[in-house]
C-alpha atoms as a PDB file:
ATOM      1  CA  GLN A   1       0.549  -0.216  -0.159  1.00  0.00           C
ATOM      2  CA  PRO A   2       1.352   3.909  -0.979  1.00  0.00           C
ATOM      3  CA  ARG A   3       2.237   5.985   1.786  1.00  0.00           C
ATOM      4  CA  PRO A   4      -0.365   8.207   3.185  1.00  0.00           C
ATOM      5  CA  GLU A   5       0.702  11.691   3.874  1.00  0.00           C
ATOM      6  CA  PHE A   6       0.166  11.639   7.394  1.00  0.00           C
ATOM      7  CA  GLY A   7      -1.508  14.729   8.788  1.00  0.00           C
ATOM      8  CA  VAL A   8      -2.734  15.791   5.069  1.00  0.00           C
ATOM      9  CA  THR A   9      -4.422  12.198   3.490  1.00  0.00           C
ATOM     10  CA  GLU A  10      -8.012  11.715   4.978  1.00  0.00           C
ATOM     11  CA  LYS A  11      -8.351   8.954   7.554  1.00  0.00           C
ATOM     12  CA  ASN A  12     -11.712   6.543   6.368  1.00  0.00           C
ATOM     13  CA  GLU A  13     -12.446   3.273   5.404  1.00  0.00           C
ATOM     14  CA  GLU A  14     -11.052   4.244   1.659  1.00  0.00           C
ATOM     15  CA  ASN A  15      -7.143   5.112   3.334  1.00  0.00           C
ATOM     16  CA  LEU A  16      -7.293   2.025   6.112  1.00  0.00           C
ATOM     17  CA  ARG A  17      -5.143   0.003   5.142  1.00  0.00           C
ATOM     18  CA  ARG A  18      -2.667   2.810   3.916  1.00  0.00           C
ATOM     19  CA  PHE A  19      -2.480   3.888   7.514  1.00  0.00           C
ATOM     20  CA  ILE A  20      -2.365   0.418   8.932  1.00  0.00           C
ATOM     21  CA  SER A  21       0.997  -0.847   6.802  1.00  0.00           C
ATOM     22  CA  HIS A  22       2.767   2.661   7.592  1.00  0.00           C
ATOM     23  CA  SER A  23       1.507   2.265  11.099  1.00  0.00           C
ATOM     24  CA  ILE A  24       4.438   2.613  12.983  1.00  0.00           C
ATOM     25  CA  GLU A  25       5.086   5.379  11.236  1.00  0.00           C
ATOM     26  CA  TYR A  26       2.097   6.719  11.812  1.00  0.00           C
ATOM     27  CA  VAL A  27       1.947   6.517  15.566  1.00  0.00           C
ATOM     28  CA  GLU A  28       5.661   8.269  15.301  1.00  0.00           C
ATOM     29  CA  THR A  29       3.798  11.086  14.357  1.00  0.00           C
ATOM     30  CA  LEU A  30       1.379  11.472  16.590  1.00  0.00           C
ATOM     31  CA  GLU A  31       1.029  14.558  19.336  1.00  0.00           C
ATOM     32  CA  ARG A  32       2.114  12.933  22.784  1.00  0.00           C
ATOM     33  CA  PRO A  33       0.115  11.894  25.334  1.00  0.00           C
ATOM     34  CA  ARG A  34      -0.929   8.731  22.034  1.00  0.00           C
ATOM     35  CA  ILE A  35      -2.627   6.092  22.960  1.00  0.00           C
ATOM     36  CA  ILE A  36      -1.026   3.059  21.286  1.00  0.00           C
ATOM     37  CA  LYS A  37      -2.942  -0.569  21.240  1.00  0.00           C
ATOM     38  CA  THR A  38      -0.618  -3.548  20.812  1.00  0.00           C
ATOM     39  CA  HIS A  39      -0.817  -7.974  21.049  1.00  0.00           C
ATOM     40  CA  LEU A  40       3.360  -8.175  21.966  1.00  0.00           C
ATOM     41  CA  PRO A  41       4.451  -8.767  24.734  1.00  0.00           C
ATOM     42  CA  LEU A  42       6.936  -6.809  27.212  1.00  0.00           C
ATOM     43  CA  GLU A  43       9.672  -8.107  26.276  1.00  0.00           C
ATOM     44  CA  LEU A  44       9.348  -7.476  22.494  1.00  0.00           C
ATOM     45  CA  LEU A  45       8.275  -3.019  23.135  1.00  0.00           C
ATOM     46  CA  PRO A  46      11.356  -0.530  23.583  1.00  0.00           C
ATOM     47  CA  GLU A  47      13.044  -1.584  26.915  1.00  0.00           C
ATOM     48  CA  LYS A  48      12.316   1.692  29.441  1.00  0.00           C
ATOM     49  CA  LEU A  49       8.834   1.249  28.005  1.00  0.00           C
ATOM     50  CA  LEU A  50       7.877   1.432  32.092  1.00  0.00           C
ATOM     51  CA  ASP A  51      10.072   4.446  32.466  1.00  0.00           C
ATOM     52  CA  THR A  52       8.287   6.558  30.608  1.00  0.00           C
ATOM     53  CA  CYS A  53       4.716   5.202  29.550  1.00  0.00           C
ATOM     54  CA  LYS A  54       1.517   4.763  31.173  1.00  0.00           C
ATOM     55  CA  VAL A  55       0.676   0.985  30.429  1.00  0.00           C
ATOM     56  CA  ILE A  56      -2.449  -1.318  30.215  1.00  0.00           C
ATOM     57  CA  TYR A  57      -2.403  -4.892  30.368  1.00  0.00           C
ATOM     58  CA  VAL A  58      -5.227  -6.584  29.791  1.00  0.00           C
ATOM     59  CA  ALA A  59      -4.567 -10.864  30.734  1.00  0.00           C
ATOM     60  CA  ARG A  60      -7.592 -13.309  29.726  1.00  0.00           C
ATOM     61  CA  ASN A  61      -8.433 -17.152  30.370  1.00  0.00           C
ATOM     62  CA  PRO A  62      -5.855 -18.894  27.804  1.00  0.00           C
ATOM     63  CA  LYS A  63      -8.295 -20.838  26.881  1.00  0.00           C
ATOM     64  CA  ASP A  64     -11.496 -18.101  26.109  1.00  0.00           C
ATOM     65  CA  ALA A  65      -8.588 -16.924  24.054  1.00  0.00           C
ATOM     66  CA  CYS A  66      -7.557 -19.862  22.297  1.00  0.00           C
ATOM     67  CA  VAL A  67     -11.663 -20.101  20.977  1.00  0.00           C
ATOM     68  CA  SER A  68     -11.641 -16.119  20.472  1.00  0.00           C
ATOM     69  CA  TRP A  69      -8.422 -16.644  17.979  1.00  0.00           C
ATOM     70  CA  TRP A  70      -9.478 -19.377  16.702  1.00  0.00           C
ATOM     71  CA  HIS A  71     -13.006 -18.028  15.236  1.00  0.00           C
ATOM     72  CA  HIS A  72     -10.369 -14.683  14.378  1.00  0.00           C
ATOM     73  CA  CYS A  73      -8.342 -16.480  12.122  1.00  0.00           C
ATOM     74  CA  ARG A  74     -11.251 -17.911  10.753  1.00  0.00           C
ATOM     75  CA  LEU A  75     -11.672 -14.579   8.975  1.00  0.00           C
ATOM     76  CA  HIS A  76      -8.619 -15.069   7.804  1.00  0.00           C
ATOM     77  CA  GLY A  77      -9.482 -18.512   6.274  1.00  0.00           C
ATOM     78  CA  PHE A  78      -8.002 -20.895   8.751  1.00  0.00           C
ATOM     79  CA  SER A  79     -10.243 -23.954   7.802  1.00  0.00           C
ATOM     80  CA  LYS A  80      -8.592 -26.242  10.233  1.00  0.00           C
ATOM     81  CA  ASP A  81     -11.017 -27.286  13.145  1.00  0.00           C
ATOM     82  CA  PHE A  82     -10.634 -25.880  16.538  1.00  0.00           C
ATOM     83  CA  GLU A  83      -8.306 -28.990  18.285  1.00  0.00           C
ATOM     84  CA  GLU A  84      -5.946 -28.441  15.512  1.00  0.00           C
ATOM     85  CA  MET A  85      -5.990 -24.577  17.068  1.00  0.00           C
ATOM     86  CA  ALA A  86      -5.689 -25.871  20.477  1.00  0.00           C
ATOM     87  CA  ARG A  87      -2.708 -28.080  19.737  1.00  0.00           C
ATOM     88  CA  LEU A  88      -0.964 -24.973  17.829  1.00  0.00           C
ATOM     89  CA  TYR A  89      -1.709 -22.774  20.187  1.00  0.00           C
ATOM     90  CA  LYS A  90      -0.728 -24.934  23.158  1.00  0.00           C
ATOM     91  CA  GLU A  91       2.468 -25.178  21.416  1.00  0.00           C
ATOM     92  CA  GLY A  92       3.099 -21.712  21.337  1.00  0.00           C
ATOM     93  CA  VAL A  93       3.292 -21.575  17.375  1.00  0.00           C
ATOM     94  CA  GLN A  94       0.317 -19.181  16.676  1.00  0.00           C
ATOM     95  CA  THR A  95       1.199 -15.572  16.778  1.00  0.00           C
ATOM     96  CA  PHE A  96       1.865 -13.329  19.932  1.00  0.00           C
ATOM     97  CA  ALA A  97       1.783 -17.221  21.736  1.00  0.00           C
ATOM     98  CA  PRO A  98       2.837 -18.727  23.946  1.00  0.00           C
ATOM     99  CA  ILE A  99       0.161 -16.956  25.920  1.00  0.00           C
ATOM    100  CA  VAL A 100       1.370 -17.695  29.045  1.00  0.00           C
ATOM    101  CA  PRO A 101       4.458 -16.229  29.023  1.00  0.00           C
ATOM    102  CA  HIS A 102       2.646 -13.092  27.708  1.00  0.00           C
ATOM    103  CA  ILE A 103       0.796 -13.010  30.917  1.00  0.00           C
ATOM    104  CA  LEU A 104       3.599 -13.913  33.316  1.00  0.00           C
ATOM    105  CA  GLU A 105       5.781 -11.364  32.488  1.00  0.00           C
ATOM    106  CA  ALA A 106       3.506  -9.100  32.935  1.00  0.00           C
ATOM    107  CA  TRP A 107       2.391  -9.773  35.580  1.00  0.00           C
ATOM    108  CA  ARG A 108       5.829 -10.071  37.346  1.00  0.00           C
ATOM    109  CA  GLN A 109       5.398  -6.240  36.965  1.00  0.00           C
ATOM    110  CA  LYS A 110       2.164  -6.037  38.214  1.00  0.00           C
ATOM    111  CA  ASP A 111       3.465  -3.970  41.093  1.00  0.00           C
ATOM    112  CA  ASN A 112       5.268  -1.522  39.038  1.00  0.00           C
ATOM    113  CA  PRO A 113       3.185   1.542  39.010  1.00  0.00           C
ATOM    114  CA  ASN A 114       3.317   3.065  35.563  1.00  0.00           C
ATOM    115  CA  LEU A 115       1.828  -1.095  34.918  1.00  0.00           C
ATOM    116  CA  LYS A 116      -2.126  -1.438  35.571  1.00  0.00           C
ATOM    117  CA  PHE A 117      -3.258  -5.605  35.286  1.00  0.00           C
ATOM    118  CA  VAL A 118      -6.728  -5.605  34.255  1.00  0.00           C
ATOM    119  CA  THR A 119      -8.486  -9.081  33.450  1.00  0.00           C
ATOM    120  CA  TYR A 120     -10.845  -9.553  30.757  1.00  0.00           C
ATOM    121  CA  GLU A 121     -12.943 -11.250  33.473  1.00  0.00           C
ATOM    122  CA  SER A 122     -12.531  -8.173  35.730  1.00  0.00           C
ATOM    123  CA  LEU A 123     -13.583  -6.538  32.608  1.00  0.00           C
ATOM    124  CA  LYS A 124     -17.131  -8.043  31.945  1.00  0.00           C
ATOM    125  CA  LYS A 125     -18.161  -7.984  35.933  1.00  0.00           C
ATOM    126  CA  ASP A 126     -17.667  -5.235  37.072  1.00  0.00           C
ATOM    127  CA  LEU A 127     -16.917  -2.160  34.063  1.00  0.00           C
ATOM    128  CA  ALA A 128     -18.260   0.360  36.135  1.00  0.00           C
ATOM    129  CA  GLY A 129     -15.328  -0.612  38.697  1.00  0.00           C
ATOM    130  CA  GLN A 130     -12.300  -1.087  36.840  1.00  0.00           C
ATOM    131  CA  VAL A 131     -12.897   2.571  34.371  1.00  0.00           C
ATOM    132  CA  LYS A 132     -12.825   3.804  38.054  1.00  0.00           C
ATOM    133  CA  GLN A 133      -9.884   2.384  38.598  1.00  0.00           C
ATOM    134  CA  VAL A 134      -8.020   2.621  34.946  1.00  0.00           C
ATOM    135  CA  ALA A 135      -8.504   6.443  35.446  1.00  0.00           C
ATOM    136  CA  SER A 136      -7.327   6.653  38.644  1.00  0.00           C
ATOM    137  CA  PHE A 137      -4.296   4.772  36.492  1.00  0.00           C
ATOM    138  CA  MET A 138      -4.487   7.608  34.375  1.00  0.00           C
ATOM    139  CA  GLY A 139      -4.730  10.703  36.914  1.00  0.00           C
ATOM    140  CA  LYS A 140      -8.351  11.144  35.818  1.00  0.00           C
ATOM    141  CA  THR A 141     -11.387  11.645  37.262  1.00  0.00           C
ATOM    142  CA  LEU A 142     -14.684  11.202  35.619  1.00  0.00           C
ATOM    143  CA  SER A 143     -18.177  12.990  36.009  1.00  0.00           C
ATOM    144  CA  ASP A 144     -21.208  10.682  35.623  1.00  0.00           C
ATOM    145  CA  GLU A 145     -22.529  11.954  32.713  1.00  0.00           C
ATOM    146  CA  GLN A 146     -19.493  10.385  31.348  1.00  0.00           C
ATOM    147  CA  MET A 147     -18.774   7.354  32.789  1.00  0.00           C
ATOM    148  CA  SER A 148     -22.796   6.952  30.901  1.00  0.00           C
ATOM    149  CA  THR A 149     -21.067   7.800  27.871  1.00  0.00           C
ATOM    150  CA  LEU A 150     -18.062   5.716  28.505  1.00  0.00           C
ATOM    151  CA  LEU A 151     -20.108   2.565  29.254  1.00  0.00           C
ATOM    152  CA  LYS A 152     -22.513   2.760  26.246  1.00  0.00           C
ATOM    153  CA  ALA A 153     -19.809   3.039  24.132  1.00  0.00           C
ATOM    154  CA  VAL A 154     -17.233   0.401  25.242  1.00  0.00           C
ATOM    155  CA  ASP A 155     -20.559  -1.933  25.255  1.00  0.00           C
ATOM    156  CA  ILE A 156     -20.453  -5.378  23.000  1.00  0.00           C
ATOM    157  CA  GLU A 157     -23.550  -3.816  21.449  1.00  0.00           C
ATOM    158  CA  SER A 158     -21.581  -0.921  19.957  1.00  0.00           C
ATOM    159  CA  PHE A 159     -19.057  -2.041  19.049  1.00  0.00           C
ATOM    160  CA  ARG A 160     -20.673  -4.675  16.700  1.00  0.00           C
ATOM    161  CA  LYS A 161     -22.177  -1.694  15.617  1.00  0.00           C
ATOM    162  CA  ASN A 162     -18.798   0.772  15.222  1.00  0.00           C
ATOM    163  CA  LYS A 163     -17.731  -0.651  11.317  1.00  0.00           C
ATOM    164  CA  PHE A 164     -14.906   0.634  12.682  1.00  0.00           C
ATOM    165  CA  VAL A 165     -14.578  -1.017  15.661  1.00  0.00           C
ATOM    166  CA  ASN A 166     -15.349  -4.156  13.998  1.00  0.00           C
ATOM    167  CA  LYS A 167     -12.734  -3.914  10.619  1.00  0.00           C
ATOM    168  CA  GLU A 168     -15.632  -4.466   8.557  1.00  0.00           C
ATOM    169  CA  ALA A 169     -13.292  -2.897   5.912  1.00  0.00           C
ATOM    170  CA  GLU A 170     -10.603  -4.670   7.047  1.00  0.00           C
ATOM    171  CA  LEU A 171     -12.147  -8.366   7.518  1.00  0.00           C
ATOM    172  CA  PRO A 172     -15.256  -7.933   6.226  1.00  0.00           C
ATOM    173  CA  PRO A 173     -18.255 -10.204   7.433  1.00  0.00           C
ATOM    174  CA  ASN A 174     -18.160 -13.996   6.343  1.00  0.00           C
ATOM    175  CA  ASN A 175     -20.090 -16.796   7.031  1.00  0.00           C
ATOM    176  CA  GLY A 176     -22.102 -15.335  10.101  1.00  0.00           C
ATOM    177  CA  LEU A 177     -18.183 -14.025  11.204  1.00  0.00           C
ATOM    178  CA  GLN A 178     -16.840 -10.670  12.147  1.00  0.00           C
ATOM    179  CA  PHE A 179     -14.235  -9.138  14.325  1.00  0.00           C
ATOM    180  CA  ILE A 180     -16.250  -8.347  17.269  1.00  0.00           C
ATOM    181  CA  ARG A 181     -17.624 -11.713  18.311  1.00  0.00           C
ATOM    182  CA  LYS A 182     -19.861 -12.644  21.776  1.00  0.00           C
ATOM    183  CA  GLY A 183     -18.031 -10.214  24.362  1.00  0.00           C
ATOM    184  CA  LYS A 184     -18.518 -13.236  26.841  1.00  0.00           C
ATOM    185  CA  ILE A 185     -16.437 -15.762  29.612  1.00  0.00           C
ATOM    186  CA  GLY A 186     -16.264 -18.944  29.989  1.00  0.00           C
ATOM    187  CA  ASP A 187     -17.401 -19.619  25.866  1.00  0.00           C
ATOM    188  CA  TRP A 188     -14.290 -21.906  26.107  1.00  0.00           C
ATOM    189  CA  LYS A 189     -17.217 -24.631  27.239  1.00  0.00           C
ATOM    190  CA  ASN A 190     -18.764 -25.193  24.015  1.00  0.00           C
ATOM    191  CA  HIS A 191     -15.482 -25.346  22.299  1.00  0.00           C
ATOM    192  CA  PHE A 192     -12.813 -27.785  24.905  1.00  0.00           C
ATOM    193  CA  THR A 193     -13.991 -31.335  25.819  1.00  0.00           C
ATOM    194  CA  PRO A 194     -13.700 -32.560  29.020  1.00  0.00           C
ATOM    195  CA  ASP A 195     -10.156 -34.090  28.594  1.00  0.00           C
ATOM    196  CA  MET A 196      -8.829 -31.118  26.231  1.00  0.00           C
ATOM    197  CA  SER A 197      -9.938 -28.779  29.076  1.00  0.00           C
ATOM    198  CA  GLU A 198      -8.094 -31.037  32.348  1.00  0.00           C
ATOM    199  CA  ASP A 199      -5.010 -31.392  30.027  1.00  0.00           C
ATOM    200  CA  TRP A 200      -4.393 -27.610  29.711  1.00  0.00           C
ATOM    201  CA  ASP A 201      -5.558 -27.043  32.947  1.00  0.00           C
ATOM    202  CA  ILE A 202      -2.999 -28.905  34.251  1.00  0.00           C
ATOM    203  CA  TRP A 203      -0.729 -27.162  32.025  1.00  0.00           C
ATOM    204  CA  ILE A 204      -1.592 -23.988  32.407  1.00  0.00           C
ATOM    205  CA  GLY A 205      -1.509 -24.359  36.764  1.00  0.00           C
ATOM    206  CA  LYS A 206       2.326 -25.590  36.196  1.00  0.00           C
ATOM    207  CA  GLN A 207       3.474 -22.652  34.551  1.00  0.00           C
ATOM    208  CA  ILE A 208       1.025 -20.221  36.948  1.00  0.00           C
ATOM    209  CA  ASN A 209       1.299 -22.067  40.288  1.00  0.00           C
ATOM    210  CA  GLY A 210       1.947 -20.175  43.316  1.00  0.00           C
ATOM    211  CA  THR A 211       1.228 -16.327  41.898  1.00  0.00           C
ATOM    212  CA  SER A 212      -2.428 -16.290  42.263  1.00  0.00           C
ATOM    213  CA  LEU A 213      -3.002 -16.044  38.986  1.00  0.00           C
ATOM    214  CA  GLU A 214      -5.577 -19.307  39.294  1.00  0.00           C
ATOM    215  CA  HIS A 215      -7.726 -16.838  40.556  1.00  0.00           C
ATOM    216  CA  LEU A 216      -7.404 -14.399  38.202  1.00  0.00           C
ATOM    217  CA  ILE A 217      -7.984 -15.393  34.670  1.00  0.00           C
ATOM    218  CA  LEU A 218      -9.395 -19.818  35.241  1.00  0.00           C
ATOM    219  CA  ASN A 219     -11.902 -19.478  37.136  1.00  0.00           C
ATOM    220  CA  GLU A 220     -14.352 -19.449  34.758  1.00  0.00           C
END
């Protein structure tokens, strides 16, 4: 894709892929403070990141994360069944894997004043409470009106109806699949067999034993 002229080229659906193809260059042109989203683990981000930036890390039950990744990859043409994806995901041969070390690296920094460790599960159970914590972490306070507006904006149905959040231009809906899916916790129960679930629980448990993470991400 040709490089857009940052600051001049209109940010719309037609030019979306041009900005994505040159995303790092684009981010470098943004005025500070900037909001940058990434799926990369901390070890692949700038070495002094936590000395210079506020980082909000969101962890998720690896079993639910695997299910979400499978459906996402199906949008890209992945044709194998879930059991095959689970095997690949567990072996760490998928993008952004291995998942448990990814989470553990951030968990070890949970007491760093510049990192806020959040779980997807906590966001689903008490979104307003978590929003207040994140706002406090960022040194912000929200009025009741602002909170109400924000909660409506980040509701899963609002995401689904927002063509930019739902990535309709990048990943057009296909055979009933779309980028924004269920947004639920515990959907792994509809995909994992009992044997697979037990195997994963042992595999995950060995890695997070003694961290208290099991109470945060494996309680559903």
